[in-house]
PDB file of N, CA and C in Angstrom:
ATOM      1  N   MET A   1       5.454   3.814  11.101  1.00  0.00           N
ATOM      2  CA  MET A   1       5.003   2.628  10.386  1.00  0.00           C
ATOM      3  C   MET A   1       3.483   2.556  10.432  1.00  0.00           C
ATOM      4  N   LEU A   2       2.908   2.896  11.604  1.00  0.00           N
ATOM      5  CA  LEU A   2       1.453   2.893  11.725  1.00  0.00           C
ATOM      6  C   LEU A   2       0.827   3.904  10.781  1.00  0.00           C
ATOM      7  N   LYS A   3       1.463   5.066  10.680  1.00  0.00           N
ATOM      8  CA  LYS A   3       0.937   6.094   9.782  1.00  0.00           C
ATOM      9  C   LYS A   3       0.945   5.599   8.343  1.00  0.00           C
ATOM     10  N   ALA A   4       2.005   4.930   7.940  1.00  0.00           N
ATOM     11  CA  ALA A   4       2.099   4.397   6.579  1.00  0.00           C
ATOM     12  C   ALA A   4       1.013   3.359   6.335  1.00  0.00           C
ATOM     13  N   ASN A   5       0.757   2.527   7.334  1.00  0.00           N
ATOM     14  CA  ASN A   5      -0.309   1.528   7.191  1.00  0.00           C
ATOM     15  C   ASN A   5      -1.661   2.203   7.052  1.00  0.00           C
ATOM     16  N   ARG A   6      -1.886   3.280   7.843  1.00  0.00           N
ATOM     17  CA  ARG A   6      -3.158   3.989   7.751  1.00  0.00           C
ATOM     18  C   ARG A   6      -3.317   4.636   6.382  1.00  0.00           C
ATOM     19  N   VAL A   7      -2.229   5.182   5.858  1.00  0.00           N
ATOM     20  CA  VAL A   7      -2.286   5.810   4.539  1.00  0.00           C
ATOM     21  C   VAL A   7      -2.613   4.770   3.485  1.00  0.00           C
ATOM     22  N   LEU A   8      -1.975   3.585   3.562  1.00  0.00           N
ATOM     23  CA  LEU A   8      -2.237   2.517   2.598  1.00  0.00           C
ATOM     24  C   LEU A   8      -3.671   2.037   2.714  1.00  0.00           C
ATOM     25  N   GLN A   9      -4.161   1.875   3.957  1.00  0.00           N
ATOM     26  CA  GLN A   9      -5.542   1.441   4.142  1.00  0.00           C
ATOM     27  C   GLN A   9      -6.497   2.493   3.596  1.00  0.00           C
ATOM     28  N   HIS A  10      -6.212   3.760   3.858  1.00  0.00           N
ATOM     29  CA  HIS A  10      -7.059   4.840   3.361  1.00  0.00           C
ATOM     30  C   HIS A  10      -7.068   4.827   1.835  1.00  0.00           C
ATOM     31  N   HIS A  11      -5.897   4.654   1.234  1.00  0.00           N
ATOM     32  CA  HIS A  11      -5.798   4.610  -0.232  1.00  0.00           C
ATOM     33  C   HIS A  11      -6.569   3.410  -0.771  1.00  0.00           C
ATOM     34  N   ASN A  12      -6.404   2.252  -0.142  1.00  0.00           N
ATOM     35  CA  ASN A  12      -7.113   1.049  -0.596  1.00  0.00           C
ATOM     36  C   ASN A  12      -8.619   1.241  -0.450  1.00  0.00           C
ATOM     37  N   ASN A  13      -9.051   1.896   0.633  1.00  0.00           N
ATOM     38  CA  ASN A  13     -10.476   2.163   0.815  1.00  0.00           C
ATOM     39  C   ASN A  13     -11.000   3.076  -0.285  1.00  0.00           C
ATOM     40  N   ASN A  14     -10.214   4.087  -0.670  1.00  0.00           N
ATOM     41  CA  ASN A  14     -10.625   4.999  -1.742  1.00  0.00           C
ATOM     42  C   ASN A  14     -10.764   4.253  -3.061  1.00  0.00           C
ATOM     43  N   VAL A  15      -9.805   3.416  -3.381  1.00  0.00           N
ATOM     44  CA  VAL A  15      -9.836   2.677  -4.641  1.00  0.00           C
ATOM     45  C   VAL A  15     -11.019   1.710  -4.637  1.00  0.00           C
ATOM     46  N   ALA A  16     -11.217   1.023  -3.516  1.00  0.00           N
ATOM     47  CA  ALA A  16     -12.343   0.095  -3.426  1.00  0.00           C
ATOM     48  C   ALA A  16     -13.662   0.859  -3.534  1.00  0.00           C
ATOM     49  N   GLY A  17     -13.724   2.034  -2.952  1.00  0.00           N
ATOM     50  CA  GLY A  17     -14.935   2.854  -3.040  1.00  0.00           C
ATOM     51  C   GLY A  17     -15.209   3.293  -4.469  1.00  0.00           C
ATOM     52  N   VAL A  18     -14.167   3.670  -5.184  1.00  0.00           N
ATOM     53  CA  VAL A  18     -14.336   4.071  -6.587  1.00  0.00           C
ATOM     54  C   VAL A  18     -14.802   2.884  -7.421  1.00  0.00           C
ATOM     55  N   ALA A  19     -14.190   1.730  -7.204  1.00  0.00           N
ATOM     56  CA  ALA A  19     -14.572   0.533  -7.968  1.00  0.00           C
ATOM     57  C   ALA A  19     -16.020   0.148  -7.662  1.00  0.00           C
ATOM     58  N   THR A  20     -16.395   0.200  -6.393  1.00  0.00           N
ATOM     59  CA  THR A  20     -17.763  -0.120  -6.013  1.00  0.00           C
ATOM     60  C   THR A  20     -18.734   0.886  -6.611  1.00  0.00           C
ATOM     61  N   GLY A  21     -18.401   2.144  -6.555  1.00  0.00           N
ATOM     62  CA  GLY A  21     -19.247   3.181  -7.138  1.00  0.00           C
ATOM     63  C   GLY A  21     -19.415   3.008  -8.631  1.00  0.00           C
ATOM     64  N   LEU A  22     -18.313   2.670  -9.297  1.00  0.00           N
ATOM     65  CA  LEU A  22     -18.371   2.438 -10.738  1.00  0.00           C
ATOM     66  C   LEU A  22     -19.291   1.267 -11.063  1.00  0.00           C
ATOM     67  N   PHE A  23     -19.154   0.204 -10.319  1.00  0.00           N
ATOM     68  CA  PHE A  23     -19.980  -0.983 -10.541  1.00  0.00           C
ATOM     69  C   PHE A  23     -21.457  -0.689 -10.291  1.00  0.00           C
ATOM     70  N   ILE A  24     -21.764  -0.069  -9.164  1.00  0.00           N
ATOM     71  CA  ILE A  24     -23.164   0.231  -8.818  1.00  0.00           C
ATOM     72  C   ILE A  24     -23.756   1.226  -9.812  1.00  0.00           C
ATOM     73  N   GLY A  25     -22.986   2.244 -10.177  1.00  0.00           N
ATOM     74  CA  GLY A  25     -23.473   3.225 -11.151  1.00  0.00           C
ATOM     75  C   GLY A  25     -23.764   2.590 -12.495  1.00  0.00           C
ATOM     76  N   SER A  26     -22.886   1.707 -12.929  1.00  0.00           N
ATOM     77  CA  SER A  26     -23.117   1.016 -14.200  1.00  0.00           C
ATOM     78  C   SER A  26     -24.350   0.134 -14.132  1.00  0.00           C
ATOM     79  N   LEU A  27     -24.522  -0.535 -13.025  1.00  0.00           N
ATOM     80  CA  LEU A  27     -25.690  -1.397 -12.834  1.00  0.00           C
ATOM     81  C   LEU A  27     -26.977  -0.574 -12.852  1.00  0.00           C
ATOM     82  N   ILE A  28     -26.983   0.545 -12.153  1.00  0.00           N
ATOM     83  CA  ILE A  28     -28.161   1.417 -12.136  1.00  0.00           C
ATOM     84  C   ILE A  28     -28.440   1.949 -13.537  1.00  0.00           C
ATOM     85  N   GLY A  29     -27.388   2.336 -14.255  1.00  0.00           N
ATOM     86  CA  GLY A  29     -27.560   2.825 -15.626  1.00  0.00           C
ATOM     87  C   GLY A  29     -28.141   1.752 -16.532  1.00  0.00           C
ATOM     88  N   ALA A  30     -27.692   0.515 -16.375  1.00  0.00           N
ATOM     89  CA  ALA A  30     -28.212  -0.583 -17.209  1.00  0.00           C
ATOM     90  C   ALA A  30     -29.684  -0.839 -16.914  1.00  0.00           C
ATOM     91  N   VAL A  31     -30.040  -0.839 -15.641  1.00  0.00           N
ATOM     92  CA  VAL A  31     -31.447  -1.066 -15.268  1.00  0.00           C
ATOM     93  C   VAL A  31     -32.316   0.085 -15.775  1.00  0.00           C
ATOM     94  N   THR A  32     -31.853   1.303 -15.623  1.00  0.00           N
ATOM     95  CA  THR A  32     -32.597   2.464 -16.112  1.00  0.00           C
ATOM     96  C   THR A  32     -32.785   2.375 -17.619  1.00  0.00           C
ATOM     97  N   MET A  33     -31.747   1.966 -18.308  1.00  0.00           N
ATOM     98  CA  MET A  33     -31.831   1.818 -19.750  1.00  0.00           C
ATOM     99  C   MET A  33     -32.911   0.777 -20.120  1.00  0.00           C
ATOM    100  N   LEU A  34     -32.982  -0.292 -19.375  1.00  0.00           N
ATOM    101  CA  LEU A  34     -33.987  -1.330 -19.650  1.00  0.00           C
ATOM    102  C   LEU A  34     -35.412  -0.777 -19.572  1.00  0.00           C
ATOM    103  N   PHE A  35     -35.637   0.035 -18.559  1.00  0.00           N
ATOM    104  CA  PHE A  35     -36.991   0.544 -18.349  1.00  0.00           C
ATOM    105  C   PHE A  35     -37.370   1.702 -19.264  1.00  0.00           C
ATOM    106  N   LEU A  36     -36.410   2.485 -19.681  1.00  0.00           N
ATOM    107  CA  LEU A  36     -36.727   3.697 -20.439  1.00  0.00           C
ATOM    108  C   LEU A  36     -36.552   3.561 -21.953  1.00  0.00           C
ATOM    109  N   ALA A  37     -35.882   2.532 -22.391  1.00  0.00           N
ATOM    110  CA  ALA A  37     -35.604   2.411 -23.825  1.00  0.00           C
ATOM    111  C   ALA A  37     -36.735   1.681 -24.547  1.00  0.00           C
ATOM    112  N   PRO A  38     -37.393   2.356 -25.489  1.00  0.00           N
ATOM    113  CA  PRO A  38     -38.465   1.697 -26.249  1.00  0.00           C
ATOM    114  C   PRO A  38     -37.887   0.975 -27.468  1.00  0.00           C
ATOM    115  N   GLN A  39     -37.311  -0.192 -27.260  1.00  0.00           N
ATOM    116  CA  GLN A  39     -36.693  -0.935 -28.340  1.00  0.00           C
ATOM    117  C   GLN A  39     -37.217  -2.371 -28.355  1.00  0.00           C
ATOM    118  N   SER A  40     -36.888  -3.060 -29.419  1.00  0.00           N
ATOM    119  CA  SER A  40     -37.296  -4.458 -29.515  1.00  0.00           C
ATOM    120  C   SER A  40     -36.468  -5.307 -28.556  1.00  0.00           C
ATOM    121  N   GLY A  41     -36.968  -6.477 -28.220  1.00  0.00           N
ATOM    122  CA  GLY A  41     -36.278  -7.373 -27.294  1.00  0.00           C
ATOM    123  C   GLY A  41     -34.916  -7.795 -27.789  1.00  0.00           C
ATOM    124  N   LYS A  42     -34.833  -8.103 -29.075  1.00  0.00           N
ATOM    125  CA  LYS A  42     -33.563  -8.558 -29.637  1.00  0.00           C
ATOM    126  C   LYS A  42     -32.518  -7.443 -29.564  1.00  0.00           C
ATOM    127  N   ARG A  43     -32.919  -6.272 -29.979  1.00  0.00           N
ATOM    128  CA  ARG A  43     -31.997  -5.134 -29.944  1.00  0.00           C
ATOM    129  C   ARG A  43     -31.598  -4.810 -28.501  1.00  0.00           C
ATOM    130  N   MET A  44     -32.547  -4.919 -27.584  1.00  0.00           N
ATOM    131  CA  MET A  44     -32.284  -4.664 -26.165  1.00  0.00           C
ATOM    132  C   MET A  44     -31.249  -5.667 -25.638  1.00  0.00           C
ATOM    133  N   ARG A  45     -31.389  -6.945 -25.995  1.00  0.00           N
ATOM    134  CA  ARG A  45     -30.443  -7.965 -25.537  1.00  0.00           C
ATOM    135  C   ARG A  45     -29.040  -7.692 -26.085  1.00  0.00           C
ATOM    136  N   VAL A  46     -28.964  -7.238 -27.320  1.00  0.00           N
ATOM    137  CA  VAL A  46     -27.673  -6.910 -27.907  1.00  0.00           C
ATOM    138  C   VAL A  46     -27.030  -5.759 -27.134  1.00  0.00           C
ATOM    139  N   GLN A  47     -27.820  -4.744 -26.832  1.00  0.00           N
ATOM    140  CA  GLN A  47     -27.290  -3.605 -26.084  1.00  0.00           C
ATOM    141  C   GLN A  47     -26.878  -4.025 -24.684  1.00  0.00           C
ATOM    142  N   ILE A  48     -27.669  -4.866 -24.041  1.00  0.00           N
ATOM    143  CA  ILE A  48     -27.324  -5.331 -22.695  1.00  0.00           C
ATOM    144  C   ILE A  48     -26.006  -6.102 -22.742  1.00  0.00           C
ATOM    145  N   ARG A  49     -25.845  -6.946 -23.729  1.00  0.00           N
ATOM    146  CA  ARG A  49     -24.605  -7.710 -23.881  1.00  0.00           C
ATOM    147  C   ARG A  49     -23.427  -6.764 -24.084  1.00  0.00           C
ATOM    148  N   GLN A  50     -23.608  -5.742 -24.943  1.00  0.00           N
ATOM    149  CA  GLN A  50     -22.529  -4.785 -25.190  1.00  0.00           C
ATOM    150  C   GLN A  50     -22.174  -4.007 -23.926  1.00  0.00           C
ATOM    151  N   LYS A  51     -23.183  -3.557 -23.217  1.00  0.00           N
ATOM    152  CA  LYS A  51     -22.938  -2.806 -21.976  1.00  0.00           C
ATOM    153  C   LYS A  51     -22.268  -3.698 -20.935  1.00  0.00           C
ATOM    154  N   GLY A  52     -22.673  -4.959 -20.897  1.00  0.00           N
ATOM    155  CA  GLY A  52     -22.035  -5.898 -19.974  1.00  0.00           C
ATOM    156  C   GLY A  52     -20.563  -6.068 -20.287  1.00  0.00           C
ATOM    157  N   LEU A  53     -20.242  -6.165 -21.573  1.00  0.00           N
ATOM    158  CA  LEU A  53     -18.842  -6.289 -21.980  1.00  0.00           C
ATOM    159  C   LEU A  53     -18.056  -5.023 -21.645  1.00  0.00           C
ATOM    160  N   GLU A  54     -18.678  -3.867 -21.882  1.00  0.00           N
ATOM    161  CA  GLU A  54     -18.024  -2.603 -21.538  1.00  0.00           C
ATOM    162  C   GLU A  54     -17.757  -2.526 -20.039  1.00  0.00           C
ATOM    163  N   LEU A  55     -18.758  -2.918 -19.261  1.00  0.00           N
ATOM    164  CA  LEU A  55     -18.613  -2.887 -17.805  1.00  0.00           C
ATOM    165  C   LEU A  55     -17.505  -3.842 -17.368  1.00  0.00           C
ATOM    166  N   ARG A  56     -17.452  -5.024 -17.973  1.00  0.00           N
ATOM    167  CA  ARG A  56     -16.401  -5.979 -17.645  1.00  0.00           C
ATOM    168  C   ARG A  56     -15.029  -5.393 -17.950  1.00  0.00           C
ATOM    169  N   ASP A  57     -14.901  -4.743 -19.111  1.00  0.00           N
ATOM    170  CA  ASP A  57     -13.620  -4.149 -19.487  1.00  0.00           C
ATOM    171  C   ASP A  57     -13.228  -3.020 -18.536  1.00  0.00           C
ATOM    172  N   LYS A  58     -14.192  -2.170 -18.203  1.00  0.00           N
ATOM    173  CA  LYS A  58     -13.903  -1.065 -17.275  1.00  0.00           C
ATOM    174  C   LYS A  58     -13.510  -1.594 -15.902  1.00  0.00           C
ATOM    175  N   THR A  59     -14.217  -2.617 -15.453  1.00  0.00           N
ATOM    176  CA  THR A  59     -13.905  -3.202 -14.152  1.00  0.00           C
ATOM    177  C   THR A  59     -12.504  -3.797 -14.174  1.00  0.00           C
ATOM    178  N   GLY A  60     -12.154  -4.468 -15.267  1.00  0.00           N
ATOM    179  CA  GLY A  60     -10.804  -5.016 -15.405  1.00  0.00           C
ATOM    180  C   GLY A  60      -9.745  -3.931 -15.348  1.00  0.00           C
ATOM    181  N   GLU A  61     -10.013  -2.805 -15.997  1.00  0.00           N
ATOM    182  CA  GLU A  61      -9.070  -1.688 -15.974  1.00  0.00           C
ATOM    183  C   GLU A  61      -8.913  -1.133 -14.568  1.00  0.00           C
ATOM    184  N   VAL A  62     -10.028  -0.989 -13.852  1.00  0.00           N
ATOM    185  CA  VAL A  62      -9.972  -0.468 -12.485  1.00  0.00           C
ATOM    186  C   VAL A  62      -9.178  -1.424 -11.597  1.00  0.00           C
ATOM    187  N   VAL A  63      -9.414  -2.718 -11.759  1.00  0.00           N
ATOM    188  CA  VAL A  63      -8.690  -3.699 -10.957  1.00  0.00           C
ATOM    189  C   VAL A  63      -7.195  -3.644 -11.278  1.00  0.00           C
ATOM    190  N   GLU A  64      -6.854  -3.558 -12.549  1.00  0.00           N
ATOM    191  CA  GLU A  64      -5.442  -3.461 -12.935  1.00  0.00           C
ATOM    192  C   GLU A  64      -4.805  -2.206 -12.358  1.00  0.00           C
ATOM    193  N   ASP A  65      -5.494  -1.075 -12.468  1.00  0.00           N
ATOM    194  CA  ASP A  65      -4.967   0.176 -11.914  1.00  0.00           C
ATOM    195  C   ASP A  65      -4.782   0.065 -10.409  1.00  0.00           C
ATOM    196  N   THR A  66      -5.737  -0.543  -9.748  1.00  0.00           N
ATOM    197  CA  THR A  66      -5.656  -0.716  -8.298  1.00  0.00           C
ATOM    198  C   THR A  66      -4.461  -1.587  -7.932  1.00  0.00           C
ATOM    199  N   MET A  67      -4.244  -2.645  -8.682  1.00  0.00           N
ATOM    200  CA  MET A  67      -3.112  -3.536  -8.408  1.00  0.00           C
ATOM    201  C   MET A  67      -1.786  -2.802  -8.611  1.00  0.00           C
ATOM    202  N   VAL A  68      -1.708  -1.992  -9.650  1.00  0.00           N
ATOM    203  CA  VAL A  68      -0.481  -1.223  -9.897  1.00  0.00           C
ATOM    204  C   VAL A  68      -0.235  -0.253  -8.742  1.00  0.00           C
ATOM    205  N   LEU A  69      -1.280   0.442  -8.323  1.00  0.00           N
ATOM    206  CA  LEU A  69      -1.133   1.392  -7.214  1.00  0.00           C
ATOM    207  C   LEU A  69      -0.747   0.675  -5.931  1.00  0.00           C
ATOM    208  N   ALA A  70      -1.356  -0.464  -5.661  1.00  0.00           N
ATOM    209  CA  ALA A  70      -1.033  -1.224  -4.450  1.00  0.00           C
ATOM    210  C   ALA A  70       0.416  -1.711  -4.495  1.00  0.00           C
ATOM    211  N   ARG A  71       0.859  -2.171  -5.657  1.00  0.00           N
ATOM    212  CA  ARG A  71       2.236  -2.637  -5.809  1.00  0.00           C
ATOM    213  C   ARG A  71       3.216  -1.484  -5.583  1.00  0.00           C
ATOM    214  N   LEU A  72       2.915  -0.325  -6.164  1.00  0.00           N
ATOM    215  CA  LEU A  72       3.793   0.840  -5.981  1.00  0.00           C
ATOM    216  C   LEU A  72       3.839   1.273  -4.524  1.00  0.00           C
ATOM    217  N   GLU A  73       2.683   1.260  -3.877  1.00  0.00           N
ATOM    218  CA  GLU A  73       2.634   1.646  -2.459  1.00  0.00           C
ATOM    219  C   GLU A  73       3.409   0.646  -1.606  1.00  0.00           C
ATOM    220  N   GLY A  74       3.296  -0.623  -1.932  1.00  0.00           N
ATOM    221  CA  GLY A  74       4.056  -1.645  -1.210  1.00  0.00           C
ATOM    222  C   GLY A  74       5.552  -1.452  -1.380  1.00  0.00           C
ATOM    223  N   GLN A  75       5.968  -1.137  -2.592  1.00  0.00           N
ATOM    224  CA  GLN A  75       7.387  -0.886  -2.841  1.00  0.00           C
ATOM    225  C   GLN A  75       7.867   0.344  -2.072  1.00  0.00           C
ATOM    226  N   ARG A  76       7.030   1.367  -2.036  1.00  0.00           N
ATOM    227  CA  ARG A  76       7.399   2.588  -1.304  1.00  0.00           C
ATOM    228  C   ARG A  76       7.538   2.293   0.183  1.00  0.00           C
ATOM    229  N   LEU A  77       6.596   1.527   0.728  1.00  0.00           N
ATOM    230  CA  LEU A  77       6.656   1.189   2.149  1.00  0.00           C
ATOM    231  C   LEU A  77       7.877   0.328   2.457  1.00  0.00           C
ATOM    232  N   THR A  78       8.197  -0.592   1.570  1.00  0.00           N
ATOM    233  CA  THR A  78       9.377  -1.429   1.765  1.00  0.00           C
ATOM    234  C   THR A  78      10.636  -0.582   1.761  1.00  0.00           C
ATOM    235  N   ARG A  79      10.723   0.324   0.806  1.00  0.00           N
ATOM    236  CA  ARG A  79      11.896   1.201   0.698  1.00  0.00           C
ATOM    237  C   ARG A  79      12.032   2.066   1.953  1.00  0.00           C
ATOM    238  N   THR A  80      10.929   2.628   2.402  1.00  0.00           N
ATOM    239  CA  THR A  80      10.943   3.462   3.603  1.00  0.00           C
ATOM    240  C   THR A  80      11.352   2.639   4.824  1.00  0.00           C
ATOM    241  N   GLY A  81      10.817   1.430   4.925  1.00  0.00           N
ATOM    242  CA  GLY A  81      11.165   0.558   6.048  1.00  0.00           C
ATOM    243  C   GLY A  81      12.647   0.209   6.058  1.00  0.00           C
ATOM    244  N   ARG A  82      13.194  -0.066   4.893  1.00  0.00           N
ATOM    245  CA  ARG A  82      14.625  -0.379   4.815  1.00  0.00           C
ATOM    246  C   ARG A  82      15.476   0.822   5.208  1.00  0.00           C
ATOM    247  N   GLN A  83      15.070   2.000   4.769  1.00  0.00           N
ATOM    248  CA  GLN A  83      15.828   3.205   5.122  1.00  0.00           C
ATOM    249  C   GLN A  83      15.810   3.420   6.637  1.00  0.00           C
ATOM    250  N   LYS A  84      14.650   3.241   7.242  1.00  0.00           N
ATOM    251  CA  LYS A  84      14.551   3.420   8.690  1.00  0.00           C
ATOM    252  C   LYS A  84      15.357   2.356   9.426  1.00  0.00           C
ATOM    253  N   ALA A  85      15.339   1.119   8.935  1.00  0.00           N
ATOM    254  CA  ALA A  85      16.110   0.046   9.561  1.00  0.00           C
ATOM    255  C   ALA A  85      17.607   0.354   9.500  1.00  0.00           C
ATOM    256  N   LYS A  86      18.080   0.863   8.358  1.00  0.00           N
ATOM    257  CA  LYS A  86      19.498   1.227   8.229  1.00  0.00           C
ATOM    258  C   LYS A  86      19.861   2.336   9.208  1.00  0.00           C
ATOM    259  N   LYS A  87      18.973   3.309   9.335  1.00  0.00           N
ATOM    260  CA  LYS A  87      19.229   4.427  10.242  1.00  0.00           C
ATOM    261  C   LYS A  87      19.315   3.932  11.679  1.00  0.00           C
ATOM    262  N   ILE A  88      18.390   3.073  12.070  1.00  0.00           N
ATOM    263  CA  ILE A  88      18.391   2.535  13.436  1.00  0.00           C
ATOM    264  C   ILE A  88      19.637   1.687  13.666  1.00  0.00           C
ATOM    265  N   MET A  89      20.027   0.894  12.682  1.00  0.00           N
ATOM    266  CA  MET A  89      21.213   0.065  12.809  1.00  0.00           C
ATOM    267  C   MET A  89      22.462   0.938  12.971  1.00  0.00           C
ATOM    268  N   HIS A  90      22.541   2.017  12.204  1.00  0.00           N
ATOM    269  CA  HIS A  90      23.675   2.933  12.295  1.00  0.00           C
ATOM    270  C   HIS A  90      23.728   3.574  13.689  1.00  0.00           C
ATOM    271  N   GLN A  91      22.578   3.980  14.207  1.00  0.00           N
ATOM    272  CA  GLN A  91      22.530   4.566  15.547  1.00  0.00           C
ATOM    273  C   GLN A  91      22.956   3.537  16.599  1.00  0.00           C
ATOM    274  N   GLY A  92      22.514   2.287  16.425  1.00  0.00           N
ATOM    275  CA  GLY A  92      22.905   1.230  17.357  1.00  0.00           C
ATOM    276  C   GLY A  92      24.399   0.979  17.328  1.00  0.00           C
ATOM    277  N   GLN A  93      24.987   1.010  16.140  1.00  0.00           N
ATOM    278  CA  GLN A  93      26.434   0.821  16.026  1.00  0.00           C
ATOM    279  C   GLN A  93      27.192   1.955  16.710  1.00  0.00           C
ATOM    280  N   LYS A  94      26.689   3.179  16.572  1.00  0.00           N
ATOM    281  CA  LYS A  94      27.326   4.323  17.237  1.00  0.00           C
ATOM    282  C   LYS A  94      27.278   4.147  18.756  1.00  0.00           C
ATOM    283  N   LEU A  95      26.102   3.761  19.261  1.00  0.00           N
ATOM    284  CA  LEU A  95      25.971   3.560  20.705  1.00  0.00           C
ATOM    285  C   LEU A  95      26.881   2.442  21.193  1.00  0.00           C
ATOM    286  N   LEU A  96      26.941   1.361  20.454  1.00  0.00           N
ATOM    287  CA  LEU A  96      27.782   0.226  20.832  1.00  0.00           C
ATOM    288  C   LEU A  96      29.249   0.628  20.840  1.00  0.00           C
ATOM    289  N   THR A  97      29.667   1.370  19.832  1.00  0.00           N
ATOM    290  CA  THR A  97      31.058   1.821  19.768  1.00  0.00           C
ATOM    291  C   THR A  97      31.379   2.704  20.980  1.00  0.00           C
ATOM    292  N   GLY A  98      30.479   3.597  21.316  1.00  0.00           N
ATOM    293  CA  GLY A  98      30.681   4.468  22.478  1.00  0.00           C
ATOM    294  C   GLY A  98      30.754   3.668  23.771  1.00  0.00           C
ATOM    295  N   GLN A  99      29.880   2.701  23.931  1.00  0.00           N
ATOM    296  CA  GLN A  99      29.879   1.888  25.147  1.00  0.00           C
ATOM    297  C   GLN A  99      31.142   1.036  25.235  1.00  0.00           C
ATOM    298  N   LEU A 100      31.583   0.493  24.098  1.00  0.00           N
ATOM    299  CA  LEU A 100      32.820  -0.293  24.096  1.00  0.00           C
ATOM    300  C   LEU A 100      34.014   0.565  24.493  1.00  0.00           C
ATOM    301  N   ALA A 101      34.022   1.807  24.039  1.00  0.00           N
ATOM    302  CA  ALA A 101      35.112   2.720  24.412  1.00  0.00           C
ATOM    303  C   ALA A 101      35.103   2.967  25.909  1.00  0.00           C
ATOM    304  N   HIS A 102      33.920   3.167  26.505  1.00  0.00           N
ATOM    305  CA  HIS A 102      33.812   3.375  27.956  1.00  0.00           C
ATOM    306  C   HIS A 102      34.277   2.138  28.718  1.00  0.00           C
ATOM    307  N   VAL A 103      33.857   0.978  28.261  1.00  0.00           N
ATOM    308  CA  VAL A 103      34.250  -0.273  28.934  1.00  0.00           C
ATOM    309  C   VAL A 103      35.752  -0.475  28.810  1.00  0.00           C
ATOM    310  N   SER A 104      36.299  -0.192  27.641  1.00  0.00           N
ATOM    311  CA  SER A 104      37.735  -0.345  27.429  1.00  0.00           C
ATOM    312  C   SER A 104      38.516   0.578  28.362  1.00  0.00           C
ATOM    313  N   LYS A 105      38.066   1.831  28.508  1.00  0.00           N
ATOM    314  CA  LYS A 105      38.730   2.765  29.417  1.00  0.00           C
ATOM    315  C   LYS A 105      38.639   2.276  30.858  1.00  0.00           C
ATOM    316  N   ALA A 106      37.478   1.761  31.236  1.00  0.00           N
ATOM    317  CA  ALA A 106      37.298   1.275  32.606  1.00  0.00           C
ATOM    318  C   ALA A 106      38.195   0.070  32.874  1.00  0.00           C
ATOM    319  N   VAL A 107      38.305  -0.836  31.916  1.00  0.00           N
ATOM    320  CA  VAL A 107      39.168  -2.013  32.076  1.00  0.00           C
ATOM    321  C   VAL A 107      40.624  -1.582  32.174  1.00  0.00           C
ATOM    322  N   SER A 108      41.024  -0.644  31.334  1.00  0.00           N
ATOM    323  CA  SER A 108      42.407  -0.155  31.369  1.00  0.00           C
ATOM    324  C   SER A 108      42.715   0.501  32.702  1.00  0.00           C
ATOM    325  N   ALA A 109      41.792   1.296  33.182  1.00  0.00           N
ATOM    326  CA  ALA A 109      41.999   1.970  34.462  1.00  0.00           C
ATOM    327  C   ALA A 109      42.092   0.938  35.596  1.00  0.00           C
ATOM    328  N   LYS A 110      41.245  -0.062  35.565  1.00  0.00           N
ATOM    329  CA  LYS A 110      41.244  -1.087  36.609  1.00  0.00           C
ATOM    330  C   LYS A 110      42.542  -1.891  36.537  1.00  0.00           C
ATOM    331  N   ARG A 111      42.991  -2.209  35.321  1.00  0.00           N
ATOM    332  CA  ARG A 111      44.223  -2.958  35.142  1.00  0.00           C
ATOM    333  C   ARG A 111      45.413  -2.167  35.693  1.00  0.00           C
ATOM    334  N   LYS A 112      45.440  -0.851  35.398  1.00  0.00           N
ATOM    335  CA  LYS A 112      46.539  -0.013  35.912  1.00  0.00           C
ATOM    336  C   LYS A 112      46.514   0.032  37.429  1.00  0.00           C
ATOM    337  N   SER A 113      45.300   0.117  38.000  1.00  0.00           N
ATOM    338  CA  SER A 113      45.228   0.187  39.473  1.00  0.00           C
ATOM    339  C   SER A 113      45.649  -1.134  40.101  1.00  0.00           C
ATOM    340  N   ILE A 114      45.329  -2.254  39.460  1.00  0.00           N
ATOM    341  CA  ILE A 114      45.718  -3.561  39.992  1.00  0.00           C
ATOM    342  C   ILE A 114      47.230  -3.744  39.852  1.00  0.00           C
ATOM    343  N   LEU A 115      47.782  -3.413  38.704  1.00  0.00           N
ATOM    344  CA  LEU A 115      49.211  -3.564  38.469  1.00  0.00           C
ATOM    345  C   LEU A 115      50.015  -2.559  39.284  1.00  0.00           C
ATOM    346  N   GLY A 116      49.446  -1.421  39.552  1.00  0.00           N
ATOM    347  CA  GLY A 116      50.145  -0.393  40.308  1.00  0.00           C
ATOM    348  C   GLY A 116      50.180  -0.700  41.808  1.00  0.00           C
ATOM    349  N   SER A 117      49.293  -1.548  42.313  1.00  0.00           N
ATOM    350  CA  SER A 117      49.270  -1.814  43.754  1.00  0.00           C
ATOM    351  C   SER A 117      50.327  -2.751  44.195  1.00  0.00           C
TER     352      SER A 117
END
């Protein structure tokens, strides 16, 4: 279970790192564009607005993808946990059945010895 949690945390860290990198890279690109583009102010504002909208859309897509991946990972962990719980329960039932058989034999033997005396 700990390993699964570490894998999920590692995956979440990777996705968060990609999203952060995308955001910072876009921001750096926008600032660089401001300084290097020899355009009029009006045209520059239009481009900044367009790039901002593009960045918003890309960020939304990354967030949606991250949510889908997190949901799938959660479902996988739940499924794995249920399978392990069933296995442990089955093993417990086997042990209980074996112990009940031993106790039953011991009670029968004790009853025979008491009745036989």
